[in-house]
């Protein structure tokens, strides 16, 4: 995952966010979970900057969509309490998706600023651009 890839992913995610009329924070991380690029669209919540970056990290750290991790982290499920691990860095809200090249995870995208469904849809649009 390089900067050119990240810019392409962000552009596709921005287009989807504009299409649904919801400004977003969009973060792209590399295979090591390191931030490659971040965009805060005009009028996107400043509180979602950190969340988008952590969603990208979480989806890469566990190679799972944060939407799916959220389902498995409810009381009584196998990952209950995971959000408290890693110094609170784990996000269990929809909007983080691993990005794959074939079967290998090469990075991730994290999106925050709307509903869970909106965040996930924008992240999917970005991930497909890879």
N, C-alpha and C. Protein backbone atom coordinates (compact mmCIF):
# COMPACT_ATOMS: atom_id res chain seq x y z
N UNK A 1 0.86 -1.17 0.00
CA UNK A 1 0.00 0.00 0.00
C UNK A 1 0.90 1.23 0.00
N UNK A 2 0.86 1.98 -1.07
CA UNK A 2 1.64 3.20 -1.13
C UNK A 2 0.71 4.42 -1.19
N UNK A 3 1.30 5.59 -1.25
CA UNK A 3 0.51 6.82 -1.22
C UNK A 3 -0.41 6.92 -2.44
N UNK A 4 0.07 6.50 -3.60
CA UNK A 4 -0.77 6.53 -4.80
C UNK A 4 -2.01 5.65 -4.62
N UNK A 5 -1.81 4.45 -4.08
CA UNK A 5 -2.93 3.56 -3.80
C UNK A 5 -3.90 4.22 -2.83
N UNK A 6 -3.35 4.78 -1.76
CA UNK A 6 -4.18 5.41 -0.72
C UNK A 6 -5.00 6.56 -1.30
N UNK A 7 -4.40 7.35 -2.15
CA UNK A 7 -5.13 8.47 -2.76
C UNK A 7 -6.28 7.99 -3.63
N UNK A 8 -6.06 6.91 -4.36
CA UNK A 8 -7.11 6.34 -5.21
C UNK A 8 -8.26 5.80 -4.35
N UNK A 9 -7.91 5.13 -3.29
CA UNK A 9 -8.90 4.57 -2.36
C UNK A 9 -9.71 5.70 -1.72
N UNK A 10 -9.01 6.73 -1.27
CA UNK A 10 -9.68 7.87 -0.63
C UNK A 10 -10.60 8.58 -1.63
N UNK A 11 -10.14 8.75 -2.86
CA UNK A 11 -10.97 9.42 -3.87
C UNK A 11 -12.28 8.67 -4.10
N UNK A 12 -12.20 7.35 -4.17
CA UNK A 12 -13.42 6.55 -4.37
C UNK A 12 -14.34 6.65 -3.15
N UNK A 13 -13.75 6.64 -1.97
CA UNK A 13 -14.54 6.76 -0.74
C UNK A 13 -15.18 8.15 -0.65
N UNK A 14 -14.43 9.18 -1.00
CA UNK A 14 -14.98 10.54 -1.00
C UNK A 14 -16.15 10.66 -1.97
N UNK A 15 -16.02 10.05 -3.13
CA UNK A 15 -17.11 10.10 -4.12
C UNK A 15 -18.37 9.46 -3.55
N UNK A 16 -18.23 8.33 -2.87
CA UNK A 16 -19.39 7.66 -2.27
C UNK A 16 -19.99 8.52 -1.16
N UNK A 17 -19.13 9.12 -0.33
CA UNK A 17 -19.62 9.99 0.75
C UNK A 17 -20.38 11.18 0.17
N UNK A 18 -19.87 11.76 -0.90
CA UNK A 18 -20.56 12.88 -1.55
C UNK A 18 -21.89 12.42 -2.13
N UNK A 19 -21.91 11.23 -2.72
CA UNK A 19 -23.13 10.67 -3.30
C UNK A 19 -24.24 10.51 -2.26
N UNK A 20 -23.86 10.09 -1.05
CA UNK A 20 -24.88 9.90 -0.01
C UNK A 20 -25.08 11.16 0.84
N UNK A 21 -24.28 12.19 0.56
CA UNK A 21 -24.46 13.47 1.24
C UNK A 21 -23.98 13.49 2.69
N UNK A 22 -22.94 12.70 2.98
CA UNK A 22 -22.43 12.63 4.35
C UNK A 22 -20.92 12.84 4.36
N UNK A 23 -20.45 13.99 4.87
CA UNK A 23 -19.00 14.20 4.94
C UNK A 23 -18.35 13.22 5.91
N UNK A 24 -17.19 12.72 5.53
CA UNK A 24 -16.53 11.66 6.29
C UNK A 24 -15.05 11.95 6.53
N UNK A 25 -14.53 11.28 7.52
CA UNK A 25 -13.10 11.15 7.73
C UNK A 25 -12.72 9.80 7.15
N UNK A 26 -11.67 9.78 6.34
CA UNK A 26 -11.27 8.55 5.64
C UNK A 26 -9.78 8.34 5.87
N UNK A 27 -9.43 7.17 6.41
CA UNK A 27 -8.04 6.84 6.69
C UNK A 27 -7.66 5.56 5.95
N UNK A 28 -6.43 5.52 5.45
CA UNK A 28 -5.91 4.32 4.80
C UNK A 28 -4.60 3.95 5.50
N UNK A 29 -4.51 2.66 5.86
CA UNK A 29 -3.31 2.15 6.53
C UNK A 29 -2.63 1.11 5.64
N UNK A 30 -1.34 0.90 5.88
CA UNK A 30 -0.59 -0.11 5.13
C UNK A 30 -0.68 -1.47 5.81
N UNK A 31 0.07 -2.43 5.32
CA UNK A 31 0.01 -3.79 5.86
C UNK A 31 0.44 -3.87 7.32
N UNK A 32 1.21 -2.92 7.78
CA UNK A 32 1.64 -2.88 9.18
C UNK A 32 0.68 -2.12 10.07
N UNK A 33 -0.42 -1.63 9.50
CA UNK A 33 -1.39 -0.86 10.27
C UNK A 33 -1.01 0.60 10.43
N UNK A 34 0.05 1.02 9.73
CA UNK A 34 0.53 2.40 9.81
C UNK A 34 -0.28 3.30 8.88
N UNK A 35 -0.61 4.47 9.35
CA UNK A 35 -1.36 5.43 8.54
C UNK A 35 -0.56 5.84 7.30
N UNK A 36 -1.19 5.72 6.13
CA UNK A 36 -0.59 6.16 4.89
C UNK A 36 -1.16 7.53 4.50
N UNK A 37 -2.48 7.67 4.65
CA UNK A 37 -3.13 8.93 4.29
C UNK A 37 -4.46 9.06 5.02
N UNK A 38 -4.84 10.32 5.24
CA UNK A 38 -6.11 10.61 5.89
C UNK A 38 -6.70 11.87 5.26
N UNK A 39 -8.02 11.87 5.10
CA UNK A 39 -8.72 13.05 4.60
C UNK A 39 -9.90 13.32 5.51
N UNK A 40 -10.06 14.56 5.89
CA UNK A 40 -11.27 15.00 6.57
C UNK A 40 -12.03 15.87 5.59
N UNK A 41 -13.14 15.36 5.10
CA UNK A 41 -13.95 16.13 4.16
C UNK A 41 -14.50 17.36 4.87
N UNK A 42 -14.78 18.40 4.11
CA UNK A 42 -15.36 19.61 4.68
C UNK A 42 -16.60 19.26 5.50
N UNK A 43 -16.65 19.80 6.70
CA UNK A 43 -17.77 19.64 7.63
C UNK A 43 -17.88 18.26 8.27
N UNK A 44 -16.90 17.39 8.06
CA UNK A 44 -16.91 16.10 8.76
C UNK A 44 -16.56 16.35 10.22
N UNK A 45 -17.10 15.54 11.10
CA UNK A 45 -16.87 15.71 12.54
C UNK A 45 -15.40 15.57 12.89
N UNK A 46 -14.90 16.51 13.69
CA UNK A 46 -13.50 16.41 14.11
C UNK A 46 -13.31 15.24 15.09
N UNK A 47 -14.35 14.87 15.80
CA UNK A 47 -14.25 13.74 16.71
C UNK A 47 -14.08 12.41 15.99
N UNK A 48 -14.38 12.40 14.71
CA UNK A 48 -14.26 11.17 13.92
C UNK A 48 -12.90 10.99 13.26
N UNK A 49 -12.03 11.98 13.38
CA UNK A 49 -10.68 11.84 12.82
C UNK A 49 -9.99 10.64 13.46
N UNK A 50 -9.89 10.66 14.77
CA UNK A 50 -9.23 9.59 15.52
C UNK A 50 -9.94 8.24 15.31
N UNK A 51 -11.26 8.28 15.28
CA UNK A 51 -12.03 7.04 15.10
C UNK A 51 -11.73 6.41 13.75
N UNK A 52 -11.68 7.20 12.68
CA UNK A 52 -11.40 6.64 11.35
C UNK A 52 -10.02 6.00 11.30
N UNK A 53 -9.04 6.65 11.89
CA UNK A 53 -7.67 6.11 11.91
C UNK A 53 -7.64 4.81 12.71
N UNK A 54 -8.33 4.78 13.83
CA UNK A 54 -8.35 3.56 14.65
C UNK A 54 -9.17 2.45 14.00
N UNK A 55 -10.18 2.78 13.23
CA UNK A 55 -10.91 1.75 12.49
C UNK A 55 -10.00 1.10 11.46
N UNK A 56 -9.22 1.92 10.75
CA UNK A 56 -8.27 1.36 9.78
C UNK A 56 -7.27 0.45 10.49
N UNK A 57 -6.73 0.90 11.62
CA UNK A 57 -5.77 0.08 12.38
C UNK A 57 -6.42 -1.22 12.84
N UNK A 58 -7.62 -1.13 13.39
CA UNK A 58 -8.30 -2.31 13.92
C UNK A 58 -8.55 -3.34 12.83
N UNK A 59 -9.05 -2.90 11.69
CA UNK A 59 -9.37 -3.86 10.63
C UNK A 59 -8.11 -4.54 10.11
N UNK A 60 -6.97 -3.84 10.16
CA UNK A 60 -5.70 -4.48 9.76
C UNK A 60 -5.15 -5.34 10.88
N UNK A 61 -5.23 -4.88 12.10
CA UNK A 61 -4.67 -5.62 13.22
C UNK A 61 -5.31 -6.99 13.39
N UNK A 62 -6.60 -7.09 13.07
CA UNK A 62 -7.32 -8.35 13.24
C UNK A 62 -7.80 -8.94 11.91
N UNK A 63 -7.48 -8.27 10.79
CA UNK A 63 -7.87 -8.73 9.46
C UNK A 63 -9.35 -9.08 9.37
N UNK A 64 -10.15 -8.15 9.87
CA UNK A 64 -11.60 -8.34 9.89
C UNK A 64 -12.27 -6.98 9.73
N UNK A 65 -13.40 -6.96 9.11
CA UNK A 65 -14.18 -5.71 9.03
C UNK A 65 -14.63 -5.36 10.45
N UNK A 66 -14.54 -4.10 10.82
CA UNK A 66 -14.94 -3.71 12.17
C UNK A 66 -16.41 -3.99 12.41
N UNK A 67 -17.21 -3.98 11.36
CA UNK A 67 -18.62 -4.34 11.46
C UNK A 67 -18.77 -5.78 11.97
N UNK A 68 -17.96 -6.68 11.44
CA UNK A 68 -18.00 -8.08 11.85
C UNK A 68 -17.42 -8.26 13.25
N UNK A 69 -16.36 -7.52 13.55
CA UNK A 69 -15.77 -7.59 14.89
C UNK A 69 -16.79 -7.13 15.93
N UNK A 70 -17.57 -6.12 15.59
CA UNK A 70 -18.59 -5.62 16.51
C UNK A 70 -19.61 -6.70 16.84
N UNK A 71 -20.00 -7.47 15.84
CA UNK A 71 -20.96 -8.55 16.06
C UNK A 71 -20.42 -9.61 17.02
N UNK A 72 -19.11 -9.87 16.94
CA UNK A 72 -18.48 -10.90 17.77
C UNK A 72 -18.02 -10.39 19.13
N UNK A 73 -18.20 -9.10 19.38
CA UNK A 73 -17.70 -8.54 20.63
C UNK A 73 -18.81 -8.16 21.61
N UNK A 74 -20.00 -8.65 21.34
CA UNK A 74 -21.12 -8.39 22.24
C UNK A 74 -21.03 -9.30 23.47
N UNK A 75 -21.69 -8.92 24.51
CA UNK A 75 -21.68 -9.69 25.76
C UNK A 75 -21.99 -11.17 25.49
N UNK A 76 -21.11 -12.03 25.97
CA UNK A 76 -21.27 -13.46 25.80
C UNK A 76 -20.63 -14.02 24.54
N UNK A 77 -20.20 -13.15 23.62
CA UNK A 77 -19.56 -13.63 22.40
C UNK A 77 -18.05 -13.74 22.57
N UNK A 78 -17.39 -14.36 21.59
CA UNK A 78 -15.99 -14.72 21.71
C UNK A 78 -15.02 -13.55 21.88
N UNK A 79 -15.35 -12.37 21.39
CA UNK A 79 -14.43 -11.23 21.50
C UNK A 79 -14.95 -10.15 22.46
N UNK A 80 -15.83 -10.53 23.35
CA UNK A 80 -16.37 -9.55 24.31
C UNK A 80 -15.21 -8.91 25.08
N UNK A 81 -15.18 -7.59 25.13
CA UNK A 81 -14.15 -6.84 25.84
C UNK A 81 -12.95 -6.45 25.00
N UNK A 82 -12.93 -6.87 23.73
CA UNK A 82 -11.77 -6.58 22.88
C UNK A 82 -11.54 -5.08 22.69
N UNK A 83 -12.61 -4.31 22.76
CA UNK A 83 -12.49 -2.86 22.57
C UNK A 83 -11.61 -2.21 23.65
N UNK A 84 -11.43 -2.88 24.78
CA UNK A 84 -10.61 -2.35 25.87
C UNK A 84 -9.15 -2.75 25.72
N UNK A 85 -8.83 -3.58 24.72
CA UNK A 85 -7.44 -4.01 24.53
C UNK A 85 -6.65 -2.99 23.74
N UNK A 86 -5.37 -3.20 23.66
CA UNK A 86 -4.48 -2.35 22.86
C UNK A 86 -4.60 -0.88 23.22
N UNK A 87 -4.71 -0.61 24.51
CA UNK A 87 -4.77 0.78 24.97
C UNK A 87 -5.99 1.53 24.49
N UNK A 88 -7.07 0.82 24.25
CA UNK A 88 -8.30 1.46 23.78
C UNK A 88 -8.28 1.80 22.30
N UNK A 89 -7.33 1.26 21.58
CA UNK A 89 -7.18 1.57 20.15
C UNK A 89 -8.15 0.80 19.26
N UNK A 90 -8.76 -0.25 19.80
CA UNK A 90 -9.64 -1.11 19.00
C UNK A 90 -11.02 -0.48 18.87
N UNK A 91 -11.47 -0.32 17.64
CA UNK A 91 -12.79 0.24 17.35
C UNK A 91 -13.73 -0.88 16.91
N UNK A 92 -14.89 -0.94 17.52
CA UNK A 92 -15.86 -1.97 17.16
C UNK A 92 -17.13 -1.36 16.56
N UNK A 93 -16.92 -0.30 15.79
CA UNK A 93 -18.01 0.32 15.03
C UNK A 93 -17.79 -0.01 13.56
N UNK A 94 -18.84 -0.15 12.80
CA UNK A 94 -18.73 -0.39 11.35
C UNK A 94 -17.95 0.74 10.69
N UNK A 95 -17.21 0.39 9.64
CA UNK A 95 -16.48 1.41 8.88
C UNK A 95 -15.02 1.10 8.65
N UNK A 96 -14.52 -0.01 9.18
CA UNK A 96 -13.14 -0.43 8.93
C UNK A 96 -13.15 -1.71 8.12
N UNK A 97 -12.35 -1.75 7.05
CA UNK A 97 -12.31 -2.92 6.16
C UNK A 97 -10.87 -3.22 5.77
N UNK A 98 -10.46 -4.48 5.91
CA UNK A 98 -9.14 -4.86 5.39
C UNK A 98 -9.14 -4.78 3.86
N UNK A 99 -8.02 -4.42 3.29
CA UNK A 99 -7.88 -4.37 1.83
C UNK A 99 -6.94 -5.51 1.43
N UNK A 100 -7.40 -6.31 0.49
CA UNK A 100 -6.64 -7.49 0.10
C UNK A 100 -6.17 -7.44 -1.35
N UNK A 101 -5.03 -8.08 -1.56
CA UNK A 101 -4.52 -8.35 -2.90
C UNK A 101 -4.51 -9.86 -2.99
N UNK A 102 -5.47 -10.41 -3.70
CA UNK A 102 -5.67 -11.86 -3.67
C UNK A 102 -6.18 -12.21 -2.28
N UNK A 103 -5.50 -13.12 -1.60
CA UNK A 103 -5.90 -13.50 -0.25
C UNK A 103 -5.08 -12.79 0.82
N UNK A 104 -4.09 -12.01 0.41
CA UNK A 104 -3.19 -11.34 1.35
C UNK A 104 -3.69 -9.94 1.71
N UNK A 105 -3.75 -9.64 2.99
CA UNK A 105 -4.14 -8.31 3.44
C UNK A 105 -2.95 -7.37 3.25
N UNK A 106 -3.17 -6.31 2.49
CA UNK A 106 -2.09 -5.36 2.18
C UNK A 106 -2.32 -3.99 2.82
N UNK A 107 -3.44 -3.82 3.48
CA UNK A 107 -3.76 -2.55 4.11
C UNK A 107 -5.19 -2.55 4.58
N UNK A 108 -5.68 -1.35 4.85
CA UNK A 108 -7.05 -1.22 5.33
C UNK A 108 -7.55 0.20 5.14
N UNK A 109 -8.86 0.33 5.27
CA UNK A 109 -9.50 1.64 5.22
C UNK A 109 -10.38 1.78 6.46
N UNK A 110 -10.41 2.98 7.02
CA UNK A 110 -11.29 3.29 8.13
C UNK A 110 -12.06 4.55 7.81
N UNK A 111 -13.36 4.50 8.02
CA UNK A 111 -14.23 5.64 7.70
C UNK A 111 -15.12 5.94 8.90
N UNK A 112 -15.25 7.23 9.22
CA UNK A 112 -16.13 7.64 10.31
C UNK A 112 -16.72 9.00 10.03
N UNK A 113 -17.99 9.15 10.42
CA UNK A 113 -18.64 10.44 10.25
C UNK A 113 -20.13 10.33 10.02
N UNK A 114 -20.61 9.14 9.80
CA UNK A 114 -22.04 8.95 9.57
C UNK A 114 -22.56 7.82 10.42
N UNK A 115 -23.65 7.21 9.99
CA UNK A 115 -24.16 6.03 10.67
C UNK A 115 -23.22 4.86 10.36
N UNK A 116 -23.38 3.77 11.09
CA UNK A 116 -22.57 2.60 10.81
C UNK A 116 -22.73 2.11 9.38
N UNK A 117 -23.97 2.11 8.91
CA UNK A 117 -24.23 1.68 7.54
C UNK A 117 -23.55 2.59 6.53
N UNK A 118 -23.60 3.90 6.77
CA UNK A 118 -22.95 4.85 5.87
C UNK A 118 -21.44 4.68 5.89
N UNK A 119 -20.88 4.56 7.08
CA UNK A 119 -19.43 4.40 7.21
C UNK A 119 -18.97 3.15 6.46
N UNK A 120 -19.70 2.05 6.64
CA UNK A 120 -19.33 0.79 5.99
C UNK A 120 -19.45 0.91 4.47
N UNK A 121 -20.51 1.52 3.99
CA UNK A 121 -20.70 1.68 2.54
C UNK A 121 -19.59 2.51 1.92
N UNK A 122 -19.17 3.57 2.59
CA UNK A 122 -18.10 4.42 2.08
C UNK A 122 -16.77 3.65 2.11
N UNK A 123 -16.54 2.89 3.17
CA UNK A 123 -15.32 2.09 3.26
C UNK A 123 -15.29 1.03 2.17
N UNK A 124 -16.42 0.40 1.91
CA UNK A 124 -16.49 -0.61 0.83
C UNK A 124 -16.15 0.01 -0.52
N UNK A 125 -16.70 1.19 -0.77
CA UNK A 125 -16.41 1.87 -2.04
C UNK A 125 -14.92 2.15 -2.18
N UNK A 126 -14.30 2.58 -1.09
CA UNK A 126 -12.86 2.83 -1.13
C UNK A 126 -12.07 1.56 -1.33
N UNK A 127 -12.41 0.52 -0.59
CA UNK A 127 -11.68 -0.75 -0.68
C UNK A 127 -11.76 -1.33 -2.09
N UNK A 128 -12.89 -1.18 -2.74
CA UNK A 128 -13.07 -1.72 -4.11
C UNK A 128 -12.16 -1.00 -5.11
N UNK A 129 -11.75 0.22 -4.80
CA UNK A 129 -10.91 1.00 -5.72
C UNK A 129 -9.47 0.50 -5.73
N UNK A 130 -9.11 -0.33 -4.76
CA UNK A 130 -7.74 -0.86 -4.73
C UNK A 130 -7.54 -1.81 -5.88
